[in-house]
């Protein structure tokens, strides 16, 4: 099983699971990017609505450019909770992480 994770500075935007036996090809990549595009558009729509309401959007605190957000807090507590766990079925991994 392979996981592709698209995220912004705070949280995952899209988690795509590639199950065993499925090949990464143009069709699969296109579908994944389409899903990601929909998520990005959803975030943009939210920002536009906040601007329409004239609500202040507070900036996030700066972070070190040499560290990936995955290095801290994107999956944080989930990864800690899974430490030492063993899974025999791919679906159990997917269920435990999402």
PDB file of N, CA and C in Angstrom:
ATOM      1  N   UNK A   1       0.850  -1.172   0.000  1.00  0.00           N
ATOM      2  CA  UNK A   1       0.000   0.000   0.000  1.00  0.00           C
ATOM      3  C   UNK A   1       0.894   1.233   0.000  1.00  0.00           C
ATOM      4  N   UNK A   2       0.508   2.237  -0.795  1.00  0.00           N
ATOM      5  CA  UNK A   2       1.268   3.475  -0.856  1.00  0.00           C
ATOM      6  C   UNK A   2       0.335   4.636  -0.531  1.00  0.00           C
ATOM      7  N   UNK A   3       0.870   5.606   0.161  1.00  0.00           N
ATOM      8  CA  UNK A   3       0.113   6.792   0.557  1.00  0.00           C
ATOM      9  C   UNK A   3       0.708   8.004  -0.139  1.00  0.00           C
ATOM     10  N   UNK A   4      -0.148   8.797  -0.777  1.00  0.00           N
ATOM     11  CA  UNK A   4       0.261  10.086  -1.315  1.00  0.00           C
ATOM     12  C   UNK A   4      -0.464  11.137  -0.510  1.00  0.00           C
ATOM     13  N   UNK A   5       0.280  12.088   0.023  1.00  0.00           N
ATOM     14  CA  UNK A   5      -0.280  13.087   0.917  1.00  0.00           C
ATOM     15  C   UNK A   5      -0.037  14.472   0.344  1.00  0.00           C
ATOM     16  N   UNK A   6      -1.113  15.219   0.139  1.00  0.00           N
ATOM     17  CA  UNK A   6      -1.037  16.615  -0.273  1.00  0.00           C
ATOM     18  C   UNK A   6      -1.445  17.434   0.943  1.00  0.00           C
ATOM     19  N   UNK A   7      -0.638  18.431   1.296  1.00  0.00           N
ATOM     20  CA  UNK A   7      -0.966  19.210   2.490  1.00  0.00           C
ATOM     21  C   UNK A   7      -0.580  20.665   2.308  1.00  0.00           C
ATOM     22  N   UNK A   8      -1.201  21.509   3.128  1.00  0.00           N
ATOM     23  CA  UNK A   8      -0.792  22.901   3.180  1.00  0.00           C
ATOM     24  C   UNK A   8       0.009  23.093   4.468  1.00  0.00           C
ATOM     25  N   UNK A   9       0.141  24.305   4.929  1.00  0.00           N
ATOM     26  CA  UNK A   9       0.967  24.563   6.102  1.00  0.00           C
ATOM     27  C   UNK A   9       0.346  24.078   7.413  1.00  0.00           C
ATOM     28  N   UNK A  10      -0.912  23.654   7.409  1.00  0.00           N
ATOM     29  CA  UNK A  10      -1.571  23.248   8.647  1.00  0.00           C
ATOM     30  C   UNK A  10      -2.027  21.802   8.694  1.00  0.00           C
ATOM     31  N   UNK A  11      -2.492  21.286   7.570  1.00  0.00           N
ATOM     32  CA  UNK A  11      -3.171  19.998   7.637  1.00  0.00           C
ATOM     33  C   UNK A  11      -3.178  19.306   6.277  1.00  0.00           C
ATOM     34  N   UNK A  12      -3.476  18.021   6.276  1.00  0.00           N
ATOM     35  CA  UNK A  12      -3.613  17.312   4.997  1.00  0.00           C
ATOM     36  C   UNK A  12      -4.810  17.840   4.207  1.00  0.00           C
ATOM     37  N   UNK A  13      -4.634  18.023   2.919  1.00  0.00           N
ATOM     38  CA  UNK A  13      -5.735  18.413   2.045  1.00  0.00           C
ATOM     39  C   UNK A  13      -6.328  17.197   1.340  1.00  0.00           C
ATOM     40  N   UNK A  14      -5.458  16.242   1.041  1.00  0.00           N
ATOM     41  CA  UNK A  14      -5.922  15.040   0.354  1.00  0.00           C
ATOM     42  C   UNK A  14      -5.004  13.882   0.725  1.00  0.00           C
ATOM     43  N   UNK A  15      -5.599  12.777   1.101  1.00  0.00           N
ATOM     44  CA  UNK A  15      -4.856  11.548   1.359  1.00  0.00           C
ATOM     45  C   UNK A  15      -5.331  10.538   0.319  1.00  0.00           C
ATOM     46  N   UNK A  16      -4.404  10.066  -0.502  1.00  0.00           N
ATOM     47  CA  UNK A  16      -4.736   9.116  -1.563  1.00  0.00           C
ATOM     48  C   UNK A  16      -4.037   7.795  -1.267  1.00  0.00           C
ATOM     49  N   UNK A  17      -4.811   6.741  -1.121  1.00  0.00           N
ATOM     50  CA  UNK A  17      -4.270   5.403  -0.862  1.00  0.00           C
ATOM     51  C   UNK A  17      -4.191   4.637  -2.164  1.00  0.00           C
ATOM     52  N   UNK A  18      -3.036   4.114  -2.455  1.00  0.00           N
ATOM     53  CA  UNK A  18      -2.869   3.245  -3.620  1.00  0.00           C
ATOM     54  C   UNK A  18      -2.765   1.823  -3.097  1.00  0.00           C
ATOM     55  N   UNK A  19      -3.788   1.052  -3.334  1.00  0.00           N
ATOM     56  CA  UNK A  19      -3.843  -0.305  -2.802  1.00  0.00           C
ATOM     57  C   UNK A  19      -2.884  -1.231  -3.544  1.00  0.00           C
ATOM     58  N   UNK A  20      -2.510  -2.260  -2.882  1.00  0.00           N
ATOM     59  CA  UNK A  20      -1.596  -3.240  -3.464  1.00  0.00           C
ATOM     60  C   UNK A  20      -2.185  -3.786  -4.760  1.00  0.00           C
ATOM     61  N   UNK A  21      -1.359  -3.892  -5.781  1.00  0.00           N
ATOM     62  CA  UNK A  21      -1.802  -4.424  -7.064  1.00  0.00           C
ATOM     63  C   UNK A  21      -2.259  -3.353  -8.045  1.00  0.00           C
ATOM     64  N   UNK A  22      -2.426  -2.117  -7.576  1.00  0.00           N
ATOM     65  CA  UNK A  22      -2.823  -1.018  -8.455  1.00  0.00           C
ATOM     66  C   UNK A  22      -1.549  -0.326  -8.942  1.00  0.00           C
ATOM     67  N   UNK A  23      -1.506   0.018 -10.199  1.00  0.00           N
ATOM     68  CA  UNK A  23      -0.328   0.639 -10.790  1.00  0.00           C
ATOM     69  C   UNK A  23      -0.526   2.144 -10.901  1.00  0.00           C
ATOM     70  N   UNK A  24       0.519   2.887 -10.586  1.00  0.00           N
ATOM     71  CA  UNK A  24       0.485   4.331 -10.803  1.00  0.00           C
ATOM     72  C   UNK A  24       0.674   4.560 -12.295  1.00  0.00           C
ATOM     73  N   UNK A  25      -0.361   5.095 -12.917  1.00  0.00           N
ATOM     74  CA  UNK A  25      -0.303   5.372 -14.345  1.00  0.00           C
ATOM     75  C   UNK A  25      -0.946   6.732 -14.603  1.00  0.00           C
ATOM     76  N   UNK A  26      -1.036   7.115 -15.845  1.00  0.00           N
ATOM     77  CA  UNK A  26      -1.570   8.434 -16.192  1.00  0.00           C
ATOM     78  C   UNK A  26      -3.010   8.604 -15.712  1.00  0.00           C
ATOM     79  N   UNK A  27      -3.837   7.560 -15.850  1.00  0.00           N
ATOM     80  CA  UNK A  27      -5.232   7.655 -15.423  1.00  0.00           C
ATOM     81  C   UNK A  27      -5.333   7.881 -13.912  1.00  0.00           C
ATOM     82  N   UNK A  28      -4.594   7.078 -13.165  1.00  0.00           N
ATOM     83  CA  UNK A  28      -4.637   7.211 -11.705  1.00  0.00           C
ATOM     84  C   UNK A  28      -4.104   8.568 -11.269  1.00  0.00           C
ATOM     85  N   UNK A  29      -3.008   9.001 -11.861  1.00  0.00           N
ATOM     86  CA  UNK A  29      -2.424  10.299 -11.510  1.00  0.00           C
ATOM     87  C   UNK A  29      -3.391  11.424 -11.848  1.00  0.00           C
ATOM     88  N   UNK A  30      -4.035  11.340 -12.998  1.00  0.00           N
ATOM     89  CA  UNK A  30      -5.019  12.349 -13.387  1.00  0.00           C
ATOM     90  C   UNK A  30      -6.185  12.426 -12.413  1.00  0.00           C
ATOM     91  N   UNK A  31      -6.694  11.275 -11.986  1.00  0.00           N
ATOM     92  CA  UNK A  31      -7.796  11.246 -11.014  1.00  0.00           C
ATOM     93  C   UNK A  31      -7.367  11.849  -9.681  1.00  0.00           C
ATOM     94  N   UNK A  32      -6.159  11.512  -9.236  1.00  0.00           N
ATOM     95  CA  UNK A  32      -5.653  12.042  -7.976  1.00  0.00           C
ATOM     96  C   UNK A  32      -5.497  13.555  -8.053  1.00  0.00           C
ATOM     97  N   UNK A  33      -4.924  14.055  -9.152  1.00  0.00           N
ATOM     98  CA  UNK A  33      -4.747  15.494  -9.300  1.00  0.00           C
ATOM     99  C   UNK A  33      -6.074  16.224  -9.422  1.00  0.00           C
ATOM    100  N   UNK A  34      -7.066  15.582 -10.026  1.00  0.00           N
ATOM    101  CA  UNK A  34      -8.406  16.175 -10.105  1.00  0.00           C
ATOM    102  C   UNK A  34      -9.001  16.328  -8.705  1.00  0.00           C
ATOM    103  N   UNK A  35      -8.859  15.308  -7.885  1.00  0.00           N
ATOM    104  CA  UNK A  35      -9.338  15.382  -6.495  1.00  0.00           C
ATOM    105  C   UNK A  35      -8.617  16.488  -5.731  1.00  0.00           C
ATOM    106  N   UNK A  36      -7.295  16.578  -5.926  1.00  0.00           N
ATOM    107  CA  UNK A  36      -6.520  17.611  -5.263  1.00  0.00           C
ATOM    108  C   UNK A  36      -6.960  18.997  -5.717  1.00  0.00           C
ATOM    109  N   UNK A  37      -7.184  19.156  -7.016  1.00  0.00           N
ATOM    110  CA  UNK A  37      -7.647  20.438  -7.552  1.00  0.00           C
ATOM    111  C   UNK A  37      -8.971  20.845  -6.909  1.00  0.00           C
ATOM    112  N   UNK A  38      -9.874  19.890  -6.740  1.00  0.00           N
ATOM    113  CA  UNK A  38     -11.167  20.176  -6.099  1.00  0.00           C
ATOM    114  C   UNK A  38     -10.969  20.655  -4.658  1.00  0.00           C
ATOM    115  N   UNK A  39     -10.031  20.037  -3.940  1.00  0.00           N
ATOM    116  CA  UNK A  39      -9.757  20.454  -2.569  1.00  0.00           C
ATOM    117  C   UNK A  39      -9.188  21.867  -2.519  1.00  0.00           C
ATOM    118  N   UNK A  40      -8.264  22.171  -3.423  1.00  0.00           N
ATOM    119  CA  UNK A  40      -7.670  23.511  -3.474  1.00  0.00           C
ATOM    120  C   UNK A  40      -8.739  24.549  -3.799  1.00  0.00           C
ATOM    121  N   UNK A  41      -9.615  24.242  -4.739  1.00  0.00           N
ATOM    122  CA  UNK A  41     -10.695  25.169  -5.090  1.00  0.00           C
ATOM    123  C   UNK A  41     -11.629  25.392  -3.907  1.00  0.00           C
ATOM    124  N   UNK A  42     -11.863  24.360  -3.127  1.00  0.00           N
ATOM    125  CA  UNK A  42     -12.700  24.491  -1.933  1.00  0.00           C
ATOM    126  C   UNK A  42     -12.071  25.457  -0.935  1.00  0.00           C
ATOM    127  N   UNK A  43     -10.760  25.353  -0.754  1.00  0.00           N
ATOM    128  CA  UNK A  43     -10.055  26.256   0.163  1.00  0.00           C
ATOM    129  C   UNK A  43     -10.124  27.683  -0.362  1.00  0.00           C
ATOM    130  N   UNK A  44      -9.935  27.865  -1.664  1.00  0.00           N
ATOM    131  CA  UNK A  44     -10.017  29.205  -2.264  1.00  0.00           C
ATOM    132  C   UNK A  44     -11.397  29.807  -2.055  1.00  0.00           C
ATOM    133  N   UNK A  45     -12.440  28.994  -2.264  1.00  0.00           N
ATOM    134  CA  UNK A  45     -13.813  29.472  -2.084  1.00  0.00           C
ATOM    135  C   UNK A  45     -14.020  29.936  -0.653  1.00  0.00           C
ATOM    136  N   UNK A  46     -13.476  29.196   0.293  1.00  0.00           N
ATOM    137  CA  UNK A  46     -13.604  29.582   1.698  1.00  0.00           C
ATOM    138  C   UNK A  46     -12.930  30.927   1.947  1.00  0.00           C
ATOM    139  N   UNK A  47     -11.738  31.103   1.408  1.00  0.00           N
ATOM    140  CA  UNK A  47     -11.026  32.380   1.571  1.00  0.00           C
ATOM    141  C   UNK A  47     -11.811  33.533   0.959  1.00  0.00           C
ATOM    142  N   UNK A  48     -12.386  33.302  -0.224  1.00  0.00           N
ATOM    143  CA  UNK A  48     -13.173  34.352  -0.874  1.00  0.00           C
ATOM    144  C   UNK A  48     -14.379  34.735  -0.018  1.00  0.00           C
ATOM    145  N   UNK A  49     -15.025  33.748   0.567  1.00  0.00           N
ATOM    146  CA  UNK A  49     -16.174  34.023   1.438  1.00  0.00           C
ATOM    147  C   UNK A  49     -15.746  34.841   2.659  1.00  0.00           C
ATOM    148  N   UNK A  50     -14.612  34.479   3.257  1.00  0.00           N
ATOM    149  CA  UNK A  50     -14.117  35.235   4.408  1.00  0.00           C
ATOM    150  C   UNK A  50     -13.848  36.690   4.022  1.00  0.00           C
ATOM    151  N   UNK A  51     -13.318  36.898   2.821  1.00  0.00           N
ATOM    152  CA  UNK A  51     -13.068  38.258   2.359  1.00  0.00           C
ATOM    153  C   UNK A  51     -14.381  39.008   2.113  1.00  0.00           C
ATOM    154  N   UNK A  52     -15.393  38.315   1.601  1.00  0.00           N
ATOM    155  CA  UNK A  52     -16.694  38.943   1.394  1.00  0.00           C
ATOM    156  C   UNK A  52     -17.288  39.407   2.720  1.00  0.00           C
ATOM    157  N   UNK A  53     -17.089  38.607   3.772  1.00  0.00           N
ATOM    158  CA  UNK A  53     -17.612  38.966   5.087  1.00  0.00           C
ATOM    159  C   UNK A  53     -16.745  40.015   5.780  1.00  0.00           C
ATOM    160  N   UNK A  54     -15.601  40.324   5.135  1.00  0.00           N
ATOM    161  CA  UNK A  54     -14.627  41.278   5.670  1.00  0.00           C
ATOM    162  C   UNK A  54     -14.077  40.828   7.021  1.00  0.00           C
ATOM    163  N   UNK A  55     -13.944  39.517   7.142  1.00  0.00           N
ATOM    164  CA  UNK A  55     -13.330  38.962   8.336  1.00  0.00           C
ATOM    165  C   UNK A  55     -11.825  38.951   8.140  1.00  0.00           C
ATOM    166  N   UNK A  56     -11.108  39.283   9.200  1.00  0.00           N
ATOM    167  CA  UNK A  56      -9.655  39.305   9.122  1.00  0.00           C
ATOM    168  C   UNK A  56      -9.113  37.878   9.104  1.00  0.00           C
ATOM    169  N   UNK A  57      -8.234  37.616   8.183  1.00  0.00           N
ATOM    170  CA  UNK A  57      -7.577  36.311   8.110  1.00  0.00           C
ATOM    171  C   UNK A  57      -6.211  36.463   8.760  1.00  0.00           C
ATOM    172  N   UNK A  58      -6.027  35.797   9.867  1.00  0.00           N
ATOM    173  CA  UNK A  58      -4.774  35.918  10.593  1.00  0.00           C
ATOM    174  C   UNK A  58      -3.704  35.056   9.939  1.00  0.00           C
ATOM    175  N   UNK A  59      -2.500  35.600   9.794  1.00  0.00           N
ATOM    176  CA  UNK A  59      -1.426  34.814   9.189  1.00  0.00           C
ATOM    177  C   UNK A  59      -0.949  33.732  10.141  1.00  0.00           C
ATOM    178  N   UNK A  60      -0.475  32.638   9.583  1.00  0.00           N
ATOM    179  CA  UNK A  60       0.095  31.592  10.414  1.00  0.00           C
ATOM    180  C   UNK A  60       1.498  31.991  10.817  1.00  0.00           C
ATOM    181  N   UNK A  61       1.956  31.463  11.910  1.00  0.00           N
ATOM    182  CA  UNK A  61       3.298  31.785  12.366  1.00  0.00           C
ATOM    183  C   UNK A  61       4.322  31.193  11.396  1.00  0.00           C
ATOM    184  N   UNK A  62       5.460  31.843  11.269  1.00  0.00           N
ATOM    185  CA  UNK A  62       6.471  31.335  10.339  1.00  0.00           C
ATOM    186  C   UNK A  62       7.041  30.008  10.814  1.00  0.00           C
ATOM    187  N   UNK A  63       7.521  29.248   9.884  1.00  0.00           N
ATOM    188  CA  UNK A  63       8.159  27.980  10.215  1.00  0.00           C
ATOM    189  C   UNK A  63       9.469  27.892   9.470  1.00  0.00           C
ATOM    190  N   UNK A  64      10.294  27.008   9.897  1.00  0.00           N
ATOM    191  CA  UNK A  64      11.612  26.865   9.304  1.00  0.00           C
ATOM    192  C   UNK A  64      11.490  26.258   7.910  1.00  0.00           C
ATOM    193  N   UNK A  65      12.066  26.887   6.879  1.00  0.00           N
ATOM    194  CA  UNK A  65      11.949  26.355   5.522  1.00  0.00           C
ATOM    195  C   UNK A  65      12.727  25.051   5.309  1.00  0.00           C
ATOM    196  N   UNK A  66      13.587  24.696   6.258  1.00  0.00           N
ATOM    197  CA  UNK A  66      14.348  23.458   6.088  1.00  0.00           C
ATOM    198  C   UNK A  66      13.644  22.255   6.704  1.00  0.00           C
ATOM    199  N   UNK A  67      12.455  22.466   7.259  1.00  0.00           N
ATOM    200  CA  UNK A  67      11.667  21.371   7.824  1.00  0.00           C
ATOM    201  C   UNK A  67      10.340  21.270   7.082  1.00  0.00           C
ATOM    202  N   UNK A  68       9.945  20.077   6.792  1.00  0.00           N
ATOM    203  CA  UNK A  68       8.650  19.841   6.167  1.00  0.00           C
ATOM    204  C   UNK A  68       7.583  19.795   7.252  1.00  0.00           C
ATOM    205  N   UNK A  69       6.368  20.295   6.969  1.00  0.00           N
ATOM    206  CA  UNK A  69       5.296  20.169   7.956  1.00  0.00           C
ATOM    207  C   UNK A  69       5.050  18.722   8.371  1.00  0.00           C
ATOM    208  N   UNK A  70       5.427  17.771   7.502  1.00  0.00           N
ATOM    209  CA  UNK A  70       5.279  16.369   7.881  1.00  0.00           C
ATOM    210  C   UNK A  70       6.201  16.022   9.050  1.00  0.00           C
ATOM    211  N   UNK A  71       7.274  16.805   9.231  1.00  0.00           N
ATOM    212  CA  UNK A  71       8.193  16.544  10.329  1.00  0.00           C
ATOM    213  C   UNK A  71       7.559  16.822  11.682  1.00  0.00           C
ATOM    214  N   UNK A  72       6.500  17.563  11.690  1.00  0.00           N
ATOM    215  CA  UNK A  72       5.828  17.887  12.946  1.00  0.00           C
ATOM    216  C   UNK A  72       4.351  18.145  12.703  1.00  0.00           C
ATOM    217  N   UNK A  73       3.536  17.459  13.380  1.00  0.00           N
ATOM    218  CA  UNK A  73       2.102  17.704  13.556  1.00  0.00           C
ATOM    219  C   UNK A  73       1.146  17.407  12.398  1.00  0.00           C
ATOM    220  N   UNK A  74       1.599  17.071  11.195  1.00  0.00           N
ATOM    221  CA  UNK A  74       0.619  16.765  10.151  1.00  0.00           C
ATOM    222  C   UNK A  74      -0.106  15.476  10.512  1.00  0.00           C
ATOM    223  N   UNK A  75       0.650  14.464  10.857  1.00  0.00           N
ATOM    224  CA  UNK A  75       0.045  13.203  11.289  1.00  0.00           C
ATOM    225  C   UNK A  75       0.374  12.886  12.748  1.00  0.00           C
ATOM    226  N   UNK A  76       1.129  13.765  13.390  1.00  0.00           N
ATOM    227  CA  UNK A  76       1.613  13.656  14.757  1.00  0.00           C
ATOM    228  C   UNK A  76       1.031  12.589  15.666  1.00  0.00           C
ATOM    229  N   UNK A  77      -0.133  12.878  16.242  1.00  0.00           N
ATOM    230  CA  UNK A  77      -0.720  11.980  17.239  1.00  0.00           C
ATOM    231  C   UNK A  77      -1.054  10.610  16.654  1.00  0.00           C
ATOM    232  N   UNK A  78      -1.457  10.578  15.392  1.00  0.00           N
ATOM    233  CA  UNK A  78      -1.788   9.294  14.768  1.00  0.00           C
ATOM    234  C   UNK A  78      -0.558   8.395  14.678  1.00  0.00           C
ATOM    235  N   UNK A  79       0.561   8.985  14.285  1.00  0.00           N
ATOM    236  CA  UNK A  79       1.791   8.197  14.164  1.00  0.00           C
ATOM    237  C   UNK A  79       2.227   7.689  15.530  1.00  0.00           C
ATOM    238  N   UNK A  80       2.170   8.549  16.542  1.00  0.00           N
ATOM    239  CA  UNK A  80       2.553   8.132  17.899  1.00  0.00           C
ATOM    240  C   UNK A  80       1.663   6.991  18.380  1.00  0.00           C
ATOM    241  N   UNK A  81       0.382   7.081  18.092  1.00  0.00           N
ATOM    242  CA  UNK A  81      -0.560   6.056  18.537  1.00  0.00           C
ATOM    243  C   UNK A  81      -0.300   4.711  17.853  1.00  0.00           C
ATOM    244  N   UNK A  82       0.271   4.735  16.660  1.00  0.00           N
ATOM    245  CA  UNK A  82       0.503   3.502  15.909  1.00  0.00           C
ATOM    246  C   UNK A  82       1.871   2.878  16.188  1.00  0.00           C
ATOM    247  N   UNK A  83       2.684   3.556  16.972  1.00  0.00           N
ATOM    248  CA  UNK A  83       4.031   3.046  17.246  1.00  0.00           C
ATOM    249  C   UNK A  83       3.965   1.628  17.816  1.00  0.00           C
ATOM    250  N   UNK A  84       4.681   0.720  17.173  1.00  0.00           N
ATOM    251  CA  UNK A  84       4.736  -0.662  17.634  1.00  0.00           C
ATOM    252  C   UNK A  84       3.607  -1.551  17.140  1.00  0.00           C
ATOM    253  N   UNK A  85       2.613  -0.972  16.453  1.00  0.00           N
ATOM    254  CA  UNK A  85       1.489  -1.760  15.935  1.00  0.00           C
ATOM    255  C   UNK A  85       1.922  -2.579  14.727  1.00  0.00           C
ATOM    256  N   UNK A  86       1.312  -3.725  14.559  1.00  0.00           N
ATOM    257  CA  UNK A  86       1.552  -4.580  13.400  1.00  0.00           C
ATOM    258  C   UNK A  86       0.208  -4.819  12.707  1.00  0.00           C
ATOM    259  N   UNK A  87       0.207  -4.704  11.391  1.00  0.00           N
ATOM    260  CA  UNK A  87      -1.013  -4.890  10.621  1.00  0.00           C
ATOM    261  C   UNK A  87      -0.796  -5.992   9.599  1.00  0.00           C
ATOM    262  N   UNK A  88      -1.805  -6.826   9.432  1.00  0.00           N
ATOM    263  CA  UNK A  88      -1.707  -7.910   8.457  1.00  0.00           C
ATOM    264  C   UNK A  88      -2.545  -7.638   7.213  1.00  0.00           C
ATOM    265  N   UNK A  89      -3.454  -6.679   7.299  1.00  0.00           N
ATOM    266  CA  UNK A  89      -4.347  -6.347   6.189  1.00  0.00           C
ATOM    267  C   UNK A  89      -4.214  -4.858   5.880  1.00  0.00           C
ATOM    268  N   UNK A  90      -4.039  -4.503   4.601  1.00  0.00           N
ATOM    269  CA  UNK A  90      -3.875  -3.107   4.206  1.00  0.00           C
ATOM    270  C   UNK A  90      -5.009  -2.220   4.702  1.00  0.00           C
ATOM    271  N   UNK A  91      -6.235  -2.709   4.638  1.00  0.00           N
ATOM    272  CA  UNK A  91      -7.383  -1.910   5.052  1.00  0.00           C
ATOM    273  C   UNK A  91      -7.274  -1.483   6.509  1.00  0.00           C
ATOM    274  N   UNK A  92      -6.651  -2.300   7.361  1.00  0.00           N
ATOM    275  CA  UNK A  92      -6.483  -1.931   8.759  1.00  0.00           C
ATOM    276  C   UNK A  92      -5.540  -0.745   8.920  1.00  0.00           C
ATOM    277  N   UNK A  93      -4.532  -0.655   8.073  1.00  0.00           N
ATOM    278  CA  UNK A  93      -3.604   0.486   8.111  1.00  0.00           C
ATOM    279  C   UNK A  93      -4.349   1.748   7.719  1.00  0.00           C
ATOM    280  N   UNK A  94      -5.095   1.671   6.636  1.00  0.00           N
ATOM    281  CA  UNK A  94      -5.849   2.833   6.156  1.00  0.00           C
ATOM    282  C   UNK A  94      -6.824   3.310   7.232  1.00  0.00           C
ATOM    283  N   UNK A  95      -7.523   2.395   7.854  1.00  0.00           N
ATOM    284  CA  UNK A  95      -8.494   2.745   8.888  1.00  0.00           C
ATOM    285  C   UNK A  95      -7.811   3.389  10.103  1.00  0.00           C
ATOM    286  N   UNK A  96      -6.651   2.873  10.474  1.00  0.00           N
ATOM    287  CA  UNK A  96      -5.951   3.383  11.646  1.00  0.00           C
ATOM    288  C   UNK A  96      -5.399   4.785  11.429  1.00  0.00           C
ATOM    289  N   UNK A  97      -5.035   5.137  10.196  1.00  0.00           N
ATOM    290  CA  UNK A  97      -4.402   6.426   9.938  1.00  0.00           C
ATOM    291  C   UNK A  97      -5.428   7.497   9.648  1.00  0.00           C
ATOM    292  N   UNK A  98      -6.545   7.149   9.031  1.00  0.00           N
ATOM    293  CA  UNK A  98      -7.534   8.176   8.663  1.00  0.00           C
ATOM    294  C   UNK A  98      -8.578   8.373   9.719  1.00  0.00           C
TER     295      UNK A  98
END
